[in-house]
Amino acid sequence: MTTVLIVDDQPLQRYGFHLLLDSVPETDVVGEAAHGAEAVRKAAELRPDVVLMDVRMPGMDGIEATRRIAAAGGRSRVLVLTTFDLDEYVHAAIRAGASGFLLKDARPEELLAGIRAVASGDAVIAPALTRRLLDEFAPYIPAHRGDGAEDPRLGSLTDREREILVAVGKGWTNGEIATRFVLSESTVKTHVGRVLAKIGARDRIQAVIFAYDHGLARPGTN
């Protein structure tokens, strides 16, 4: 059973999500919130597995709410819902700690699959879409500054793990990485898990951003 907190300032939107999630036995809506401050409070109180987070809300928006929920270090993972597939706020929300994003006009089965993915610790955005998203938002990604001081988290990676991180940063799927390095997909999955743990990334999306921030991947590379 996956517990869900629905956050949206539109009552009709919340109602629609609630109806959908109530229609399947594997999800349980434990609460609703109409703005960011309420979302932060209820996430701490209810400890849902997944928070469905709208971005544009009066008062505290979804980005700040996501940042506070992620910073609290609890079990809840945030799935951002947006009207536009390249909404500039989505990139900021992911940086704030969201585990992915979906469009509000996604098909019901896509939303349910996304919730399951986030609850299991995976990212909702497929690697290829992650690459497209970051390519679109390249202007928002600070240029890597080669000041000679390497992040100690990079130093903790083995040579193979560093190669895997670079590949993840380029948006490669586990299958593509397995083919490139002549590994089984299960071995790649193990490597990816170790990389995430060592760099302190919650999921694959955060690993991609880490790779971009440290100059291991840039827009247009493959």
Protein backbone atom coordinates (compact mmCIF):
# COMPACT_ATOMS: atom_id res chain seq x y z
CA MET A 1 0.00 0.00 0.00
CA THR A 2 1.40 3.39 -1.06
CA THR A 3 0.20 6.38 0.96
CA VAL A 4 -0.28 9.65 -0.91
CA LEU A 5 -0.73 13.31 0.02
CA ILE A 6 -2.39 15.41 -2.70
CA VAL A 7 -1.30 19.06 -2.90
CA ASP A 8 -3.12 21.42 -5.26
CA ASP A 9 -4.87 24.75 -4.83
CA GLN A 10 -7.72 23.70 -7.12
CA PRO A 11 -10.40 21.70 -5.23
CA LEU A 12 -11.67 20.07 -8.43
CA GLN A 13 -8.14 18.95 -9.31
CA ARG A 14 -7.68 17.42 -5.86
CA TYR A 15 -11.03 15.70 -6.17
CA GLY A 16 -10.10 14.17 -9.51
CA PHE A 17 -6.79 12.83 -8.22
CA HIS A 18 -8.52 11.50 -5.12
CA LEU A 19 -11.11 9.63 -7.20
CA LEU A 20 -8.40 8.07 -9.35
CA LEU A 21 -6.25 6.95 -6.43
CA ASP A 22 -9.25 5.59 -4.55
CA SER A 23 -10.07 3.43 -7.58
CA VAL A 24 -7.01 1.22 -7.15
CA PRO A 25 -6.28 -0.93 -4.10
CA GLU A 26 -2.55 -0.23 -3.92
CA THR A 27 -2.84 3.49 -3.12
CA ASP A 28 -4.30 5.22 -0.07
CA VAL A 29 -4.88 8.98 0.00
CA VAL A 30 -4.03 10.01 3.55
CA GLY A 31 -4.62 13.75 3.14
CA GLU A 32 -4.96 16.83 0.97
CA ALA A 33 -3.39 20.29 1.08
CA ALA A 34 -4.33 23.48 -0.75
CA HIS A 35 -0.99 25.31 -0.50
CA GLY A 36 2.66 24.75 0.25
CA ALA A 37 2.68 25.56 3.95
CA GLU A 38 -0.14 23.12 4.55
CA ALA A 39 1.69 20.51 2.49
CA VAL A 40 4.83 20.82 4.62
CA ARG A 41 2.82 20.51 7.81
CA LYS A 42 0.79 17.53 6.64
CA ALA A 43 3.82 15.75 5.18
CA ALA A 44 5.48 15.92 8.59
CA GLU A 45 2.30 14.82 10.35
CA LEU A 46 1.13 12.06 7.99
CA ARG A 47 4.49 10.86 6.60
CA PRO A 48 3.08 9.79 3.22
CA ASP A 49 5.17 7.72 0.84
CA VAL A 50 4.49 10.15 -2.02
CA VAL A 51 3.48 13.81 -2.16
CA LEU A 52 1.73 14.83 -5.40
CA MET A 53 2.87 18.44 -5.57
CA ASP A 54 1.42 21.23 -7.68
CA VAL A 55 3.92 23.96 -8.54
CA ARG A 56 1.97 27.18 -8.81
CA MET A 57 0.02 27.89 -5.65
CA PRO A 58 -0.69 31.05 -3.63
CA GLY A 59 1.49 31.71 -0.63
CA MET A 60 4.24 29.10 -0.38
CA ASP A 61 4.58 27.52 -3.81
CA GLY A 62 5.37 23.91 -4.62
CA ILE A 63 9.09 24.54 -5.05
CA GLU A 64 9.60 25.87 -1.54
CA ALA A 65 7.33 23.19 -0.11
CA THR A 66 9.33 20.51 -1.93
CA ARG A 67 12.58 21.97 -0.60
CA ARG A 68 11.31 21.90 2.98
CA ILE A 69 9.89 18.40 2.74
CA ALA A 70 13.12 17.05 1.22
CA ALA A 71 15.27 18.90 3.75
CA ALA A 72 13.33 17.34 6.60
CA GLY A 73 14.89 14.02 5.63
CA GLY A 74 11.71 12.04 6.08
CA ARG A 75 10.36 9.15 4.06
CA SER A 76 8.17 11.25 1.77
CA ARG A 77 9.18 11.64 -1.86
CA VAL A 78 7.80 14.42 -4.00
CA LEU A 79 6.27 13.94 -7.44
CA VAL A 80 5.77 17.32 -9.10
CA LEU A 81 2.73 17.80 -11.30
CA THR A 82 2.80 20.59 -13.85
CA THR A 83 0.66 21.92 -16.67
CA PHE A 84 3.55 22.48 -19.07
CA ASP A 85 6.10 19.85 -20.04
CA LEU A 86 8.95 22.38 -19.98
CA ASP A 87 7.74 24.58 -17.17
CA GLU A 88 10.74 26.51 -15.84
CA TYR A 89 9.61 25.75 -12.32
CA VAL A 90 10.07 22.01 -12.81
CA HIS A 91 13.84 22.29 -12.97
CA ALA A 92 13.88 24.30 -9.75
CA ALA A 93 11.58 21.76 -8.10
CA ILE A 94 13.85 18.88 -9.02
CA ARG A 95 16.82 20.77 -7.62
CA ALA A 96 14.80 21.33 -4.48
CA GLY A 97 14.56 17.56 -4.00
CA ALA A 98 11.65 16.31 -6.09
CA SER A 99 11.97 12.78 -7.40
CA GLY A 100 10.46 13.62 -10.78
CA PHE A 101 7.58 15.21 -12.57
CA LEU A 102 4.54 14.38 -14.64
CA LEU A 103 2.10 16.44 -16.66
CA LYS A 104 -1.34 17.02 -15.24
CA ASP A 105 -2.81 15.68 -18.47
CA ALA A 106 -0.95 12.37 -18.10
CA ARG A 107 -3.05 9.26 -18.58
CA PRO A 108 -4.31 7.67 -15.34
CA GLU A 109 -2.07 4.65 -15.79
CA GLU A 110 0.95 6.94 -16.23
CA LEU A 111 0.22 8.76 -12.98
CA LEU A 112 -0.26 5.50 -11.10
CA ALA A 113 2.97 4.09 -12.55
CA GLY A 114 4.76 7.29 -11.60
CA ILE A 115 3.55 7.07 -8.03
CA ARG A 116 4.73 3.46 -7.80
CA ALA A 117 8.13 4.39 -9.25
CA VAL A 118 8.68 7.25 -6.83
CA ALA A 119 7.51 5.20 -3.86
CA SER A 120 10.04 2.49 -4.73
CA GLY A 121 12.88 5.01 -4.83
CA ASP A 122 13.13 5.36 -8.59
CA ALA A 123 12.72 8.47 -10.72
CA VAL A 124 9.54 9.08 -12.67
CA ILE A 125 11.25 10.67 -15.66
CA ALA A 126 12.72 8.15 -18.05
CA PRO A 127 16.45 8.72 -18.70
CA ALA A 128 15.85 9.93 -22.26
CA LEU A 129 13.32 12.49 -21.00
CA THR A 130 15.72 13.52 -18.25
CA ARG A 131 18.31 14.27 -20.90
CA ARG A 132 15.82 16.35 -22.90
CA LEU A 133 14.73 18.24 -19.82
CA LEU A 134 18.26 19.14 -18.80
CA ASP A 135 19.22 20.08 -22.36
CA GLU A 136 16.29 22.50 -22.40
CA PHE A 137 17.32 23.97 -19.08
CA ALA A 138 21.05 24.20 -19.77
CA PRO A 139 21.00 28.00 -19.28
CA TYR A 140 19.84 27.46 -15.70
CA ILE A 141 22.65 25.02 -14.86
CA PRO A 142 25.69 26.83 -13.43
CA ALA A 143 28.88 26.32 -15.40
CA HIS A 144 31.33 23.94 -13.76
CA ARG A 145 34.18 25.85 -12.21
CA GLY A 146 37.46 24.00 -12.41
CA ASP A 147 39.01 25.40 -9.23
CA GLY A 148 41.11 22.28 -8.69
CA ALA A 149 39.17 21.13 -5.63
CA GLU A 150 37.32 17.93 -6.49
CA ASP A 151 34.22 17.07 -4.54
CA PRO A 152 35.20 14.33 -2.04
CA ARG A 153 32.11 12.38 -3.09
CA LEU A 154 33.67 11.96 -6.53
CA GLY A 155 36.85 10.72 -4.92
CA SER A 156 34.89 7.98 -3.16
CA LEU A 157 33.83 6.44 -6.49
CA THR A 158 35.72 3.62 -8.13
CA ASP A 159 36.76 4.08 -11.76
CA ARG A 160 33.81 1.94 -12.88
CA GLU A 161 31.36 3.84 -10.68
CA ARG A 162 32.60 7.12 -12.11
CA GLU A 163 32.03 5.79 -15.62
CA ILE A 164 28.53 4.76 -14.61
CA LEU A 165 27.84 8.22 -13.18
CA VAL A 166 28.99 9.85 -16.42
CA ALA A 167 26.70 7.54 -18.39
CA VAL A 168 23.76 8.30 -16.10
CA GLY A 169 24.50 12.00 -16.53
CA LYS A 170 24.26 11.57 -20.28
CA GLY A 171 20.80 10.12 -19.88
CA TRP A 172 21.67 6.53 -20.79
CA THR A 173 19.32 3.76 -19.73
CA ASN A 174 20.58 0.77 -17.76
CA GLY A 175 20.31 -1.26 -20.95
CA GLU A 176 22.46 1.22 -22.87
CA ILE A 177 25.04 1.26 -20.09
CA ALA A 178 25.09 -2.55 -19.99
CA THR A 179 25.71 -2.73 -23.73
CA ARG A 180 28.41 -0.05 -23.68
CA PHE A 181 30.39 -1.60 -20.81
CA VAL A 182 29.52 -5.26 -21.55
CA LEU A 183 27.77 -5.78 -18.23
CA SER A 184 24.50 -7.38 -17.21
CA GLU A 185 21.64 -5.01 -16.43
CA SER A 186 21.51 -6.34 -12.88
CA THR A 187 25.19 -5.44 -12.43
CA VAL A 188 24.53 -1.97 -13.81
CA LYS A 189 21.62 -1.55 -11.40
CA THR A 190 23.91 -2.51 -8.52
CA HIS A 191 26.54 0.00 -9.67
CA VAL A 192 23.94 2.74 -10.02
CA GLY A 193 22.69 2.04 -6.49
CA ARG A 194 26.21 2.33 -5.10
CA VAL A 195 26.79 5.57 -6.99
CA LEU A 196 23.59 7.06 -5.62
CA ALA A 197 24.57 6.10 -2.08
CA LYS A 198 28.09 7.53 -2.37
CA ILE A 199 27.08 10.89 -3.84
CA GLY A 200 24.06 11.22 -1.57
CA ALA A 201 21.52 11.28 -4.41
CA ARG A 202 17.95 10.26 -3.67
CA ASP A 203 17.36 8.96 -7.18
CA ARG A 204 18.59 8.96 -10.77
CA ILE A 205 17.43 12.51 -11.46
CA GLN A 206 19.52 13.87 -8.60
CA ALA A 207 22.49 11.89 -9.95
CA VAL A 208 22.07 13.50 -13.37
CA ILE A 209 22.07 16.96 -11.81
CA PHE A 210 25.15 16.04 -9.74
CA ALA A 211 26.95 14.96 -12.92
CA TYR A 212 26.02 18.24 -14.64
CA ASP A 213 27.07 20.32 -11.65
CA HIS A 214 30.49 18.67 -11.55
CA GLY A 215 31.21 18.93 -15.26
CA LEU A 216 30.85 15.22 -15.99
CA ALA A 217 28.03 15.75 -18.49
CA ARG A 218 26.97 18.70 -20.56
CA PRO A 219 24.03 19.41 -22.85
CA GLY A 220 24.36 17.79 -26.24
CA THR A 221 26.82 15.08 -25.16
CA ASN A 222 26.07 11.42 -25.79
